[in-house]
């Protein structure tokens, strides 16, 4: 299975330089050993921190306020830089006391393409 993942610049660079040989992700895709990852460098909007939504205070939400698109990025959350890198998943760590439920740590090995 191939997965395309947004990766913020500081993490993308660390993986590309092989300083970071793992990926911590919410396991919403049922990652498995031998899956392939296409990491795409994504520069998040500074105003909304990559979420694409303007901050709405929880008390305002409780009073009926609606989420709205971030005015700085118009809801995109940021921009892709055009840089990408490919990795194979070599190891999966989950169901460990040090990992929050629903998350996984994947060992990575560089590949030429996904």
PDB file of N, CA and C in Angstrom:
ATOM      1  N   UNK A   1       0.853  -1.176   0.000  1.00  0.00           N
ATOM      2  CA  UNK A   1       0.000   0.000   0.000  1.00  0.00           C
ATOM      3  C   UNK A   1       0.898   1.237   0.000  1.00  0.00           C
ATOM      4  N   UNK A   2       0.517   2.230  -0.761  1.00  0.00           N
ATOM      5  CA  UNK A   2       1.246   3.492  -0.807  1.00  0.00           C
ATOM      6  C   UNK A   2       0.433   4.572  -0.100  1.00  0.00           C
ATOM      7  N   UNK A   3       1.114   5.387   0.708  1.00  0.00           N
ATOM      8  CA  UNK A   3       0.477   6.477   1.440  1.00  0.00           C
ATOM      9  C   UNK A   3       1.190   7.780   1.097  1.00  0.00           C
ATOM     10  N   UNK A   4       0.426   8.819   0.835  1.00  0.00           N
ATOM     11  CA  UNK A   4       0.976  10.143   0.596  1.00  0.00           C
ATOM     12  C   UNK A   4       0.743  10.967   1.860  1.00  0.00           C
ATOM     13  N   UNK A   5       1.829  11.509   2.426  1.00  0.00           N
ATOM     14  CA  UNK A   5       1.734  12.196   3.712  1.00  0.00           C
ATOM     15  C   UNK A   5       2.332  13.594   3.652  1.00  0.00           C
ATOM     16  N   UNK A   6       1.604  14.548   4.232  1.00  0.00           N
ATOM     17  CA  UNK A   6       2.138  15.893   4.422  1.00  0.00           C
ATOM     18  C   UNK A   6       3.195  15.813   5.515  1.00  0.00           C
ATOM     19  N   UNK A   7       4.318  16.484   5.290  1.00  0.00           N
ATOM     20  CA  UNK A   7       5.386  16.500   6.287  1.00  0.00           C
ATOM     21  C   UNK A   7       5.916  17.921   6.401  1.00  0.00           C
ATOM     22  N   UNK A   8       5.887  18.466   7.592  1.00  0.00           N
ATOM     23  CA  UNK A   8       6.344  19.836   7.822  1.00  0.00           C
ATOM     24  C   UNK A   8       7.849  19.930   7.562  1.00  0.00           C
ATOM     25  N   UNK A   9       8.326  21.102   7.127  1.00  0.00           N
ATOM     26  CA  UNK A   9       9.711  21.256   6.684  1.00  0.00           C
ATOM     27  C   UNK A   9      10.778  20.745   7.657  1.00  0.00           C
ATOM     28  N   UNK A  10      10.658  21.053   8.931  1.00  0.00           N
ATOM     29  CA  UNK A  10      11.709  20.623   9.872  1.00  0.00           C
ATOM     30  C   UNK A  10      11.786  19.107   9.985  1.00  0.00           C
ATOM     31  N   UNK A  11      10.655  18.431   9.882  1.00  0.00           N
ATOM     32  CA  UNK A  11      10.647  16.970   9.960  1.00  0.00           C
ATOM     33  C   UNK A  11      11.052  16.351   8.623  1.00  0.00           C
ATOM     34  N   UNK A  12      10.614  16.963   7.528  1.00  0.00           N
ATOM     35  CA  UNK A  12      10.984  16.478   6.200  1.00  0.00           C
ATOM     36  C   UNK A  12      12.502  16.489   6.045  1.00  0.00           C
ATOM     37  N   UNK A  13      13.116  17.606   6.409  1.00  0.00           N
ATOM     38  CA  UNK A  13      14.566  17.742   6.275  1.00  0.00           C
ATOM     39  C   UNK A  13      15.306  16.739   7.151  1.00  0.00           C
ATOM     40  N   UNK A  14      14.841  16.527   8.377  1.00  0.00           N
ATOM     41  CA  UNK A  14      15.493  15.571   9.275  1.00  0.00           C
ATOM     42  C   UNK A  14      15.407  14.145   8.728  1.00  0.00           C
ATOM     43  N   UNK A  15      14.286  13.783   8.124  1.00  0.00           N
ATOM     44  CA  UNK A  15      14.148  12.451   7.523  1.00  0.00           C
ATOM     45  C   UNK A  15      15.053  12.347   6.300  1.00  0.00           C
ATOM     46  N   UNK A  16      15.036  13.354   5.457  1.00  0.00           N
ATOM     47  CA  UNK A  16      15.841  13.332   4.240  1.00  0.00           C
ATOM     48  C   UNK A  16      17.337  13.240   4.552  1.00  0.00           C
ATOM     49  N   UNK A  17      17.762  13.885   5.632  1.00  0.00           N
ATOM     50  CA  UNK A  17      19.174  13.839   6.043  1.00  0.00           C
ATOM     51  C   UNK A  17      19.498  12.590   6.857  1.00  0.00           C
ATOM     52  N   UNK A  18      18.509  11.732   7.059  1.00  0.00           N
ATOM     53  CA  UNK A  18      18.630  10.467   7.808  1.00  0.00           C
ATOM     54  C   UNK A  18      18.986  10.675   9.278  1.00  0.00           C
ATOM     55  N   UNK A  19      18.662  11.866   9.811  1.00  0.00           N
ATOM     56  CA  UNK A  19      18.783  12.105  11.244  1.00  0.00           C
ATOM     57  C   UNK A  19      17.570  11.524  11.959  1.00  0.00           C
ATOM     58  N   UNK A  20      16.445  11.493  11.264  1.00  0.00           N
ATOM     59  CA  UNK A  20      15.187  10.945  11.790  1.00  0.00           C
ATOM     60  C   UNK A  20      14.826   9.761  10.895  1.00  0.00           C
ATOM     61  N   UNK A  21      14.847   8.561  11.463  1.00  0.00           N
ATOM     62  CA  UNK A  21      14.625   7.343  10.679  1.00  0.00           C
ATOM     63  C   UNK A  21      13.298   6.678  11.029  1.00  0.00           C
ATOM     64  N   UNK A  22      12.378   7.485  11.518  1.00  0.00           N
ATOM     65  CA  UNK A  22      11.074   6.974  11.939  1.00  0.00           C
ATOM     66  C   UNK A  22      10.010   8.012  11.636  1.00  0.00           C
ATOM     67  N   UNK A  23       8.780   7.579  11.678  1.00  0.00           N
ATOM     68  CA  UNK A  23       7.654   8.489  11.490  1.00  0.00           C
ATOM     69  C   UNK A  23       6.604   8.146  12.543  1.00  0.00           C
ATOM     70  N   UNK A  24       6.159   9.128  13.299  1.00  0.00           N
ATOM     71  CA  UNK A  24       5.096   8.976  14.289  1.00  0.00           C
ATOM     72  C   UNK A  24       3.832   9.532  13.670  1.00  0.00           C
ATOM     73  N   UNK A  25       2.805   8.713  13.557  1.00  0.00           N
ATOM     74  CA  UNK A  25       1.565   9.129  12.910  1.00  0.00           C
ATOM     75  C   UNK A  25       0.351   8.537  13.608  1.00  0.00           C
ATOM     76  N   UNK A  26      -0.757   9.241  13.468  1.00  0.00           N
ATOM     77  CA  UNK A  26      -2.048   8.677  13.857  1.00  0.00           C
ATOM     78  C   UNK A  26      -2.279   7.502  12.913  1.00  0.00           C
ATOM     79  N   UNK A  27      -2.670   6.370  13.444  1.00  0.00           N
ATOM     80  CA  UNK A  27      -2.803   5.157  12.622  1.00  0.00           C
ATOM     81  C   UNK A  27      -4.196   5.071  11.998  1.00  0.00           C
ATOM     82  N   UNK A  28      -4.583   6.121  11.302  1.00  0.00           N
ATOM     83  CA  UNK A  28      -5.884   6.156  10.646  1.00  0.00           C
ATOM     84  C   UNK A  28      -5.873   5.466   9.286  1.00  0.00           C
ATOM     85  N   UNK A  29      -4.717   4.943   8.883  1.00  0.00           N
ATOM     86  CA  UNK A  29      -4.589   4.281   7.578  1.00  0.00           C
ATOM     87  C   UNK A  29      -4.196   2.811   7.709  1.00  0.00           C
ATOM     88  N   UNK A  30      -4.144   2.305   8.937  1.00  0.00           N
ATOM     89  CA  UNK A  30      -3.775   0.914   9.185  1.00  0.00           C
ATOM     90  C   UNK A  30      -2.427   0.580   8.543  1.00  0.00           C
ATOM     91  N   UNK A  31      -1.397   1.361   8.896  1.00  0.00           N
ATOM     92  CA  UNK A  31      -0.058   1.175   8.350  1.00  0.00           C
ATOM     93  C   UNK A  31       0.464  -0.229   8.636  1.00  0.00           C
ATOM     94  N   UNK A  32       1.241  -0.748   7.697  1.00  0.00           N
ATOM     95  CA  UNK A  32       1.818  -2.094   7.817  1.00  0.00           C
ATOM     96  C   UNK A  32       3.261  -2.076   7.328  1.00  0.00           C
ATOM     97  N   UNK A  33       4.056  -3.046   7.831  1.00  0.00           N
ATOM     98  CA  UNK A  33       5.401  -3.246   7.318  1.00  0.00           C
ATOM     99  C   UNK A  33       5.286  -3.544   5.825  1.00  0.00           C
ATOM    100  N   UNK A  34       6.166  -2.984   5.046  1.00  0.00           N
ATOM    101  CA  UNK A  34       6.256  -3.067   3.580  1.00  0.00           C
ATOM    102  C   UNK A  34       5.376  -2.035   2.870  1.00  0.00           C
ATOM    103  N   UNK A  35       4.591  -1.234   3.609  1.00  0.00           N
ATOM    104  CA  UNK A  35       3.899  -0.106   2.986  1.00  0.00           C
ATOM    105  C   UNK A  35       4.953   0.883   2.481  1.00  0.00           C
ATOM    106  N   UNK A  36       4.562   1.717   1.549  1.00  0.00           N
ATOM    107  CA  UNK A  36       5.448   2.748   1.014  1.00  0.00           C
ATOM    108  C   UNK A  36       4.863   4.114   1.320  1.00  0.00           C
ATOM    109  N   UNK A  37       5.750   5.040   1.704  1.00  0.00           N
ATOM    110  CA  UNK A  37       5.335   6.392   2.045  1.00  0.00           C
ATOM    111  C   UNK A  37       5.919   7.381   1.046  1.00  0.00           C
ATOM    112  N   UNK A  38       5.086   8.253   0.562  1.00  0.00           N
ATOM    113  CA  UNK A  38       5.533   9.393  -0.242  1.00  0.00           C
ATOM    114  C   UNK A  38       5.379  10.611   0.665  1.00  0.00           C
ATOM    115  N   UNK A  39       6.499  11.080   1.204  1.00  0.00           N
ATOM    116  CA  UNK A  39       6.476  12.245   2.077  1.00  0.00           C
ATOM    117  C   UNK A  39       6.579  13.492   1.218  1.00  0.00           C
ATOM    118  N   UNK A  40       5.604  14.388   1.366  1.00  0.00           N
ATOM    119  CA  UNK A  40       5.580  15.642   0.615  1.00  0.00           C
ATOM    120  C   UNK A  40       5.766  16.796   1.596  1.00  0.00           C
ATOM    121  N   UNK A  41       6.803  17.576   1.370  1.00  0.00           N
ATOM    122  CA  UNK A  41       7.075  18.696   2.263  1.00  0.00           C
ATOM    123  C   UNK A  41       5.947  19.716   2.153  1.00  0.00           C
ATOM    124  N   UNK A  42       5.416  20.095   3.311  1.00  0.00           N
ATOM    125  CA  UNK A  42       4.268  20.991   3.395  1.00  0.00           C
ATOM    126  C   UNK A  42       4.595  22.108   4.366  1.00  0.00           C
ATOM    127  N   UNK A  43       4.570  23.336   3.876  1.00  0.00           N
ATOM    128  CA  UNK A  43       4.864  24.503   4.713  1.00  0.00           C
ATOM    129  C   UNK A  43       3.549  25.001   5.306  1.00  0.00           C
ATOM    130  N   UNK A  44       3.330  24.786   6.618  1.00  0.00           N
ATOM    131  CA  UNK A  44       2.041  25.147   7.213  1.00  0.00           C
ATOM    132  C   UNK A  44       1.858  26.651   7.365  1.00  0.00           C
ATOM    133  N   UNK A  45       0.625  27.069   7.283  1.00  0.00           N
ATOM    134  CA  UNK A  45       0.248  28.461   7.536  1.00  0.00           C
ATOM    135  C   UNK A  45       0.611  28.804   8.979  1.00  0.00           C
ATOM    136  N   UNK A  46       1.238  29.932   9.162  1.00  0.00           N
ATOM    137  CA  UNK A  46       1.648  30.343  10.523  1.00  0.00           C
ATOM    138  C   UNK A  46       0.443  30.747  11.373  1.00  0.00           C
ATOM    139  N   UNK A  47      -0.586  31.282  10.753  1.00  0.00           N
ATOM    140  CA  UNK A  47      -1.750  31.765  11.512  1.00  0.00           C
ATOM    141  C   UNK A  47      -2.562  30.617  12.113  1.00  0.00           C
ATOM    142  N   UNK A  48      -2.800  29.569  11.313  1.00  0.00           N
ATOM    143  CA  UNK A  48      -3.654  28.473  11.797  1.00  0.00           C
ATOM    144  C   UNK A  48      -2.855  27.216  12.127  1.00  0.00           C
ATOM    145  N   UNK A  49      -1.523  27.298  11.985  1.00  0.00           N
ATOM    146  CA  UNK A  49      -0.636  26.176  12.279  1.00  0.00           C
ATOM    147  C   UNK A  49      -0.969  24.933  11.447  1.00  0.00           C
ATOM    148  N   UNK A  50      -1.345  25.160  10.196  1.00  0.00           N
ATOM    149  CA  UNK A  50      -1.577  24.065   9.265  1.00  0.00           C
ATOM    150  C   UNK A  50      -2.953  23.435   9.313  1.00  0.00           C
ATOM    151  N   UNK A  51      -3.828  23.941  10.165  1.00  0.00           N
ATOM    152  CA  UNK A  51      -5.148  23.318  10.319  1.00  0.00           C
ATOM    153  C   UNK A  51      -6.175  23.803   9.300  1.00  0.00           C
ATOM    154  N   UNK A  52      -5.953  24.976   8.722  1.00  0.00           N
ATOM    155  CA  UNK A  52      -6.891  25.506   7.744  1.00  0.00           C
ATOM    156  C   UNK A  52      -8.113  26.171   8.351  1.00  0.00           C
ATOM    157  N   UNK A  53      -8.226  26.133   9.657  1.00  0.00           N
ATOM    158  CA  UNK A  53      -9.372  26.722  10.339  1.00  0.00           C
ATOM    159  C   UNK A  53      -8.903  27.844  11.265  1.00  0.00           C
ATOM    160  N   UNK A  54      -9.662  28.926  11.295  1.00  0.00           N
ATOM    161  CA  UNK A  54      -9.378  30.012  12.225  1.00  0.00           C
ATOM    162  C   UNK A  54      -9.690  29.527  13.646  1.00  0.00           C
ATOM    163  N   UNK A  55      -8.941  30.022  14.617  1.00  0.00           N
ATOM    164  CA  UNK A  55      -9.191  29.630  16.001  1.00  0.00           C
ATOM    165  C   UNK A  55     -10.534  30.187  16.470  1.00  0.00           C
ATOM    166  N   UNK A  56     -11.337  29.317  17.034  1.00  0.00           N
ATOM    167  CA  UNK A  56     -12.588  29.722  17.657  1.00  0.00           C
ATOM    168  C   UNK A  56     -12.532  29.189  19.086  1.00  0.00           C
ATOM    169  N   UNK A  57     -12.691  30.064  20.045  1.00  0.00           N
ATOM    170  CA  UNK A  57     -12.605  29.670  21.458  1.00  0.00           C
ATOM    171  C   UNK A  57     -13.691  28.639  21.761  1.00  0.00           C
ATOM    172  N   UNK A  58     -13.358  27.600  22.527  1.00  0.00           N
ATOM    173  CA  UNK A  58     -14.350  26.569  22.867  1.00  0.00           C
ATOM    174  C   UNK A  58     -15.639  27.123  23.481  1.00  0.00           C
ATOM    175  N   UNK A  59     -15.514  28.197  24.272  1.00  0.00           N
ATOM    176  CA  UNK A  59     -16.723  28.798  24.870  1.00  0.00           C
ATOM    177  C   UNK A  59     -17.621  29.382  23.780  1.00  0.00           C
ATOM    178  N   UNK A  60     -17.004  29.945  22.730  1.00  0.00           N
ATOM    179  CA  UNK A  60     -17.795  30.486  21.620  1.00  0.00           C
ATOM    180  C   UNK A  60     -18.465  29.367  20.834  1.00  0.00           C
ATOM    181  N   UNK A  61     -17.781  28.251  20.677  1.00  0.00           N
ATOM    182  CA  UNK A  61     -18.371  27.092  19.993  1.00  0.00           C
ATOM    183  C   UNK A  61     -19.577  26.595  20.780  1.00  0.00           C
ATOM    184  N   UNK A  62     -19.428  26.561  22.109  1.00  0.00           N
ATOM    185  CA  UNK A  62     -20.541  26.124  22.968  1.00  0.00           C
ATOM    186  C   UNK A  62     -21.751  27.051  22.814  1.00  0.00           C
ATOM    187  N   UNK A  63     -21.502  28.317  22.461  1.00  0.00           N
ATOM    188  CA  UNK A  63     -22.589  29.281  22.255  1.00  0.00           C
ATOM    189  C   UNK A  63     -23.090  29.290  20.814  1.00  0.00           C
ATOM    190  N   UNK A  64     -22.573  28.354  19.990  1.00  0.00           N
ATOM    191  CA  UNK A  64     -23.071  28.224  18.627  1.00  0.00           C
ATOM    192  C   UNK A  64     -22.191  28.792  17.532  1.00  0.00           C
ATOM    193  N   UNK A  65     -21.009  29.317  17.880  1.00  0.00           N
ATOM    194  CA  UNK A  65     -20.115  29.836  16.843  1.00  0.00           C
ATOM    195  C   UNK A  65     -19.647  28.689  15.953  1.00  0.00           C
ATOM    196  N   UNK A  66     -19.470  28.955  14.688  1.00  0.00           N
ATOM    197  CA  UNK A  66     -19.052  27.947  13.712  1.00  0.00           C
ATOM    198  C   UNK A  66     -17.569  28.094  13.386  1.00  0.00           C
ATOM    199  N   UNK A  67     -16.935  26.967  13.070  1.00  0.00           N
ATOM    200  CA  UNK A  67     -15.564  27.015  12.570  1.00  0.00           C
ATOM    201  C   UNK A  67     -15.599  27.726  11.223  1.00  0.00           C
ATOM    202  N   UNK A  68     -14.531  28.439  10.892  1.00  0.00           N
ATOM    203  CA  UNK A  68     -14.446  29.098   9.594  1.00  0.00           C
ATOM    204  C   UNK A  68     -13.026  28.962   9.071  1.00  0.00           C
ATOM    205  N   UNK A  69     -12.884  29.102   7.757  1.00  0.00           N
ATOM    206  CA  UNK A  69     -11.569  28.995   7.137  1.00  0.00           C
ATOM    207  C   UNK A  69     -10.638  30.080   7.655  1.00  0.00           C
ATOM    208  N   UNK A  70      -9.380  29.723   7.765  1.00  0.00           N
ATOM    209  CA  UNK A  70      -8.352  30.685   8.159  1.00  0.00           C
ATOM    210  C   UNK A  70      -8.276  31.774   7.098  1.00  0.00           C
ATOM    211  N   UNK A  71      -8.319  33.050   7.504  1.00  0.00           N
ATOM    212  CA  UNK A  71      -8.259  34.127   6.513  1.00  0.00           C
ATOM    213  C   UNK A  71      -6.891  34.245   5.831  1.00  0.00           C
ATOM    214  N   UNK A  72      -5.821  33.757   6.475  1.00  0.00           N
ATOM    215  CA  UNK A  72      -4.479  33.881   5.885  1.00  0.00           C
ATOM    216  C   UNK A  72      -4.245  32.874   4.755  1.00  0.00           C
ATOM    217  N   UNK A  73      -4.705  31.625   4.939  1.00  0.00           N
ATOM    218  CA  UNK A  73      -4.455  30.587   3.928  1.00  0.00           C
ATOM    219  C   UNK A  73      -5.724  30.171   3.190  1.00  0.00           C
ATOM    220  N   UNK A  74      -6.853  30.794   3.535  1.00  0.00           N
ATOM    221  CA  UNK A  74      -8.147  30.506   2.896  1.00  0.00           C
ATOM    222  C   UNK A  74      -8.544  29.039   3.027  1.00  0.00           C
ATOM    223  N   UNK A  75      -8.150  28.427   4.158  1.00  0.00           N
ATOM    224  CA  UNK A  75      -8.561  27.059   4.447  1.00  0.00           C
ATOM    225  C   UNK A  75      -7.638  25.974   3.934  1.00  0.00           C
ATOM    226  N   UNK A  76      -6.559  26.340   3.225  1.00  0.00           N
ATOM    227  CA  UNK A  76      -5.661  25.315   2.672  1.00  0.00           C
ATOM    228  C   UNK A  76      -4.718  24.742   3.722  1.00  0.00           C
ATOM    229  N   UNK A  77      -4.469  25.468   4.794  1.00  0.00           N
ATOM    230  CA  UNK A  77      -3.556  25.018   5.839  1.00  0.00           C
ATOM    231  C   UNK A  77      -2.100  25.317   5.531  1.00  0.00           C
ATOM    232  N   UNK A  78      -1.795  25.677   4.299  1.00  0.00           N
ATOM    233  CA  UNK A  78      -0.419  25.973   3.908  1.00  0.00           C
ATOM    234  C   UNK A  78      -0.199  25.607   2.456  1.00  0.00           C
ATOM    235  N   UNK A  79       1.070  25.399   2.108  1.00  0.00           N
ATOM    236  CA  UNK A  79       1.423  25.116   0.718  1.00  0.00           C
ATOM    237  C   UNK A  79       2.446  23.987   0.625  1.00  0.00           C
ATOM    238  N   UNK A  80       2.308  23.144  -0.394  1.00  0.00           N
ATOM    239  CA  UNK A  80       3.340  22.155  -0.692  1.00  0.00           C
ATOM    240  C   UNK A  80       4.528  22.879  -1.312  1.00  0.00           C
ATOM    241  N   UNK A  81       5.744  22.456  -0.941  1.00  0.00           N
ATOM    242  CA  UNK A  81       6.949  23.117  -1.450  1.00  0.00           C
ATOM    243  C   UNK A  81       7.419  22.519  -2.769  1.00  0.00           C
ATOM    244  N   UNK A  82       6.940  21.328  -3.105  1.00  0.00           N
ATOM    245  CA  UNK A  82       7.400  20.633  -4.303  1.00  0.00           C
ATOM    246  C   UNK A  82       8.452  19.582  -4.010  1.00  0.00           C
ATOM    247  N   UNK A  83       8.988  19.568  -2.778  1.00  0.00           N
ATOM    248  CA  UNK A  83       9.965  18.546  -2.403  1.00  0.00           C
ATOM    249  C   UNK A  83       9.237  17.291  -1.916  1.00  0.00           C
ATOM    250  N   UNK A  84       9.754  16.141  -2.294  1.00  0.00           N
ATOM    251  CA  UNK A  84       9.176  14.891  -1.814  1.00  0.00           C
ATOM    252  C   UNK A  84      10.264  13.837  -1.705  1.00  0.00           C
ATOM    253  N   UNK A  85       9.987  12.818  -0.916  1.00  0.00           N
ATOM    254  CA  UNK A  85      10.932  11.719  -0.703  1.00  0.00           C
ATOM    255  C   UNK A  85      10.123  10.440  -0.466  1.00  0.00           C
ATOM    256  N   UNK A  86      10.757   9.313  -0.759  1.00  0.00           N
ATOM    257  CA  UNK A  86      10.065   8.023  -0.712  1.00  0.00           C
ATOM    258  C   UNK A  86      10.731   7.076   0.280  1.00  0.00           C
ATOM    259  N   UNK A  87       9.886   6.351   1.023  1.00  0.00           N
ATOM    260  CA  UNK A  87      10.376   5.446   2.064  1.00  0.00           C
ATOM    261  C   UNK A  87       9.528   4.190   2.115  1.00  0.00           C
ATOM    262  N   UNK A  88      10.165   3.101   2.526  1.00  0.00           N
ATOM    263  CA  UNK A  88       9.451   1.858   2.809  1.00  0.00           C
ATOM    264  C   UNK A  88       9.339   1.737   4.332  1.00  0.00           C
ATOM    265  N   UNK A  89       8.233   1.223   4.804  1.00  0.00           N
ATOM    266  CA  UNK A  89       8.040   0.993   6.234  1.00  0.00           C
ATOM    267  C   UNK A  89       8.690  -0.355   6.575  1.00  0.00           C
ATOM    268  N   UNK A  90       9.675  -0.322   7.478  1.00  0.00           N
ATOM    269  CA  UNK A  90      10.422  -1.527   7.827  1.00  0.00           C
ATOM    270  C   UNK A  90      10.034  -2.089   9.189  1.00  0.00           C
ATOM    271  N   UNK A  91       9.359  -1.273   9.996  1.00  0.00           N
ATOM    272  CA  UNK A  91       9.020  -1.704  11.359  1.00  0.00           C
ATOM    273  C   UNK A  91       7.823  -0.900  11.826  1.00  0.00           C
ATOM    274  N   UNK A  92       6.967  -1.541  12.616  1.00  0.00           N
ATOM    275  CA  UNK A  92       5.797  -0.871  13.199  1.00  0.00           C
ATOM    276  C   UNK A  92       5.832  -1.071  14.706  1.00  0.00           C
ATOM    277  N   UNK A  93       5.721   0.022  15.438  1.00  0.00           N
ATOM    278  CA  UNK A  93       5.614  -0.046  16.896  1.00  0.00           C
ATOM    279  C   UNK A  93       4.286   0.584  17.290  1.00  0.00           C
ATOM    280  N   UNK A  94       3.433  -0.215  17.915  1.00  0.00           N
ATOM    281  CA  UNK A  94       2.149   0.281  18.435  1.00  0.00           C
ATOM    282  C   UNK A  94       1.791  -0.538  19.663  1.00  0.00           C
ATOM    283  N   UNK A  95       0.683  -0.238  20.262  1.00  0.00           N
ATOM    284  CA  UNK A  95       0.255  -0.940  21.474  1.00  0.00           C
ATOM    285  C   UNK A  95       1.368  -1.038  22.504  1.00  0.00           C
ATOM    286  N   UNK A  96       2.061   0.052  22.708  1.00  0.00           N
ATOM    287  CA  UNK A  96       3.146   0.138  23.684  1.00  0.00           C
ATOM    288  C   UNK A  96       2.742   1.176  24.725  1.00  0.00           C
ATOM    289  N   UNK A  97       3.072   0.961  25.999  1.00  0.00           N
ATOM    290  CA  UNK A  97       2.663   1.925  27.032  1.00  0.00           C
ATOM    291  C   UNK A  97       3.127   3.358  26.772  1.00  0.00           C
ATOM    292  N   UNK A  98       4.208   3.541  26.025  1.00  0.00           N
ATOM    293  CA  UNK A  98       4.719   4.883  25.764  1.00  0.00           C
ATOM    294  C   UNK A  98       4.101   5.562  24.553  1.00  0.00           C
ATOM    295  N   UNK A  99       3.203   4.864  23.860  1.00  0.00           N
ATOM    296  CA  UNK A  99       2.574   5.421  22.662  1.00  0.00           C
ATOM    297  C   UNK A  99       1.090   5.588  22.913  1.00  0.00           C
ATOM    298  N   UNK A 100       0.597   6.782  22.689  1.00  0.00           N
ATOM    299  CA  UNK A 100      -0.825   7.061  22.870  1.00  0.00           C
ATOM    300  C   UNK A 100      -1.661   6.166  21.952  1.00  0.00           C
ATOM    301  N   UNK A 101      -2.779   5.699  22.441  1.00  0.00           N
ATOM    302  CA  UNK A 101      -3.657   4.836  21.665  1.00  0.00           C
ATOM    303  C   UNK A 101      -4.008   5.443  20.321  1.00  0.00           C
ATOM    304  N   UNK A 102      -4.016   4.609  19.288  1.00  0.00           N
ATOM    305  CA  UNK A 102      -4.362   5.065  17.959  1.00  0.00           C
ATOM    306  C   UNK A 102      -3.191   5.624  17.172  1.00  0.00           C
ATOM    307  N   UNK A 103      -1.977   5.608  17.761  1.00  0.00           N
ATOM    308  CA  UNK A 103      -0.789   6.113  17.081  1.00  0.00           C
ATOM    309  C   UNK A 103       0.182   4.974  16.825  1.00  0.00           C
ATOM    310  N   UNK A 104       1.101   5.205  15.890  1.00  0.00           N
ATOM    311  CA  UNK A 104       2.074   4.202  15.500  1.00  0.00           C
ATOM    312  C   UNK A 104       3.402   4.900  15.196  1.00  0.00           C
ATOM    313  N   UNK A 105       4.490   4.209  15.501  1.00  0.00           N
ATOM    314  CA  UNK A 105       5.820   4.659  15.091  1.00  0.00           C
ATOM    315  C   UNK A 105       6.289   3.689  14.018  1.00  0.00           C
ATOM    316  N   UNK A 106       6.684   4.242  12.870  1.00  0.00           N
ATOM    317  CA  UNK A 106       7.131   3.415  11.756  1.00  0.00           C
ATOM    318  C   UNK A 106       8.620   3.616  11.522  1.00  0.00           C
ATOM    319  N   UNK A 107       9.369   2.507  11.415  1.00  0.00           N
ATOM    320  CA  UNK A 107      10.751   2.566  10.981  1.00  0.00           C
ATOM    321  C   UNK A 107      10.780   2.790   9.484  1.00  0.00           C
ATOM    322  N   UNK A 108      11.721   3.622   8.990  1.00  0.00           N
ATOM    323  CA  UNK A 108      11.758   3.992   7.576  1.00  0.00           C
ATOM    324  C   UNK A 108      13.070   3.589   6.921  1.00  0.00           C
ATOM    325  N   UNK A 109      12.949   3.195   5.646  1.00  0.00           N
ATOM    326  CA  UNK A 109      14.120   2.921   4.806  1.00  0.00           C
ATOM    327  C   UNK A 109      13.920   3.687   3.497  1.00  0.00           C
ATOM    328  N   UNK A 110      14.910   4.503   3.099  1.00  0.00           N
ATOM    329  CA  UNK A 110      14.753   5.264   1.851  1.00  0.00           C
ATOM    330  C   UNK A 110      14.604   4.337   0.638  1.00  0.00           C
ATOM    331  N   UNK A 111      13.800   4.750  -0.318  1.00  0.00           N
ATOM    332  CA  UNK A 111      13.650   4.039  -1.588  1.00  0.00           C
ATOM    333  C   UNK A 111      13.703   5.067  -2.713  1.00  0.00           C
ATOM    334  N   UNK A 112      13.828   4.608  -3.923  1.00  0.00           N
ATOM    335  CA  UNK A 112      13.880   5.511  -5.079  1.00  0.00           C
ATOM    336  C   UNK A 112      12.515   6.113  -5.388  1.00  0.00           C
ATOM    337  N   UNK A 113      11.479   5.282  -5.322  1.00  0.00           N
ATOM    338  CA  UNK A 113      10.100   5.723  -5.569  1.00  0.00           C
ATOM    339  C   UNK A 113       9.194   4.956  -4.639  1.00  0.00           C
ATOM    340  N   UNK A 114       7.974   5.427  -4.511  1.00  0.00           N
ATOM    341  CA  UNK A 114       7.020   4.776  -3.610  1.00  0.00           C
ATOM    342  C   UNK A 114       6.430   3.525  -4.228  1.00  0.00           C
TER     343      UNK A 114
END
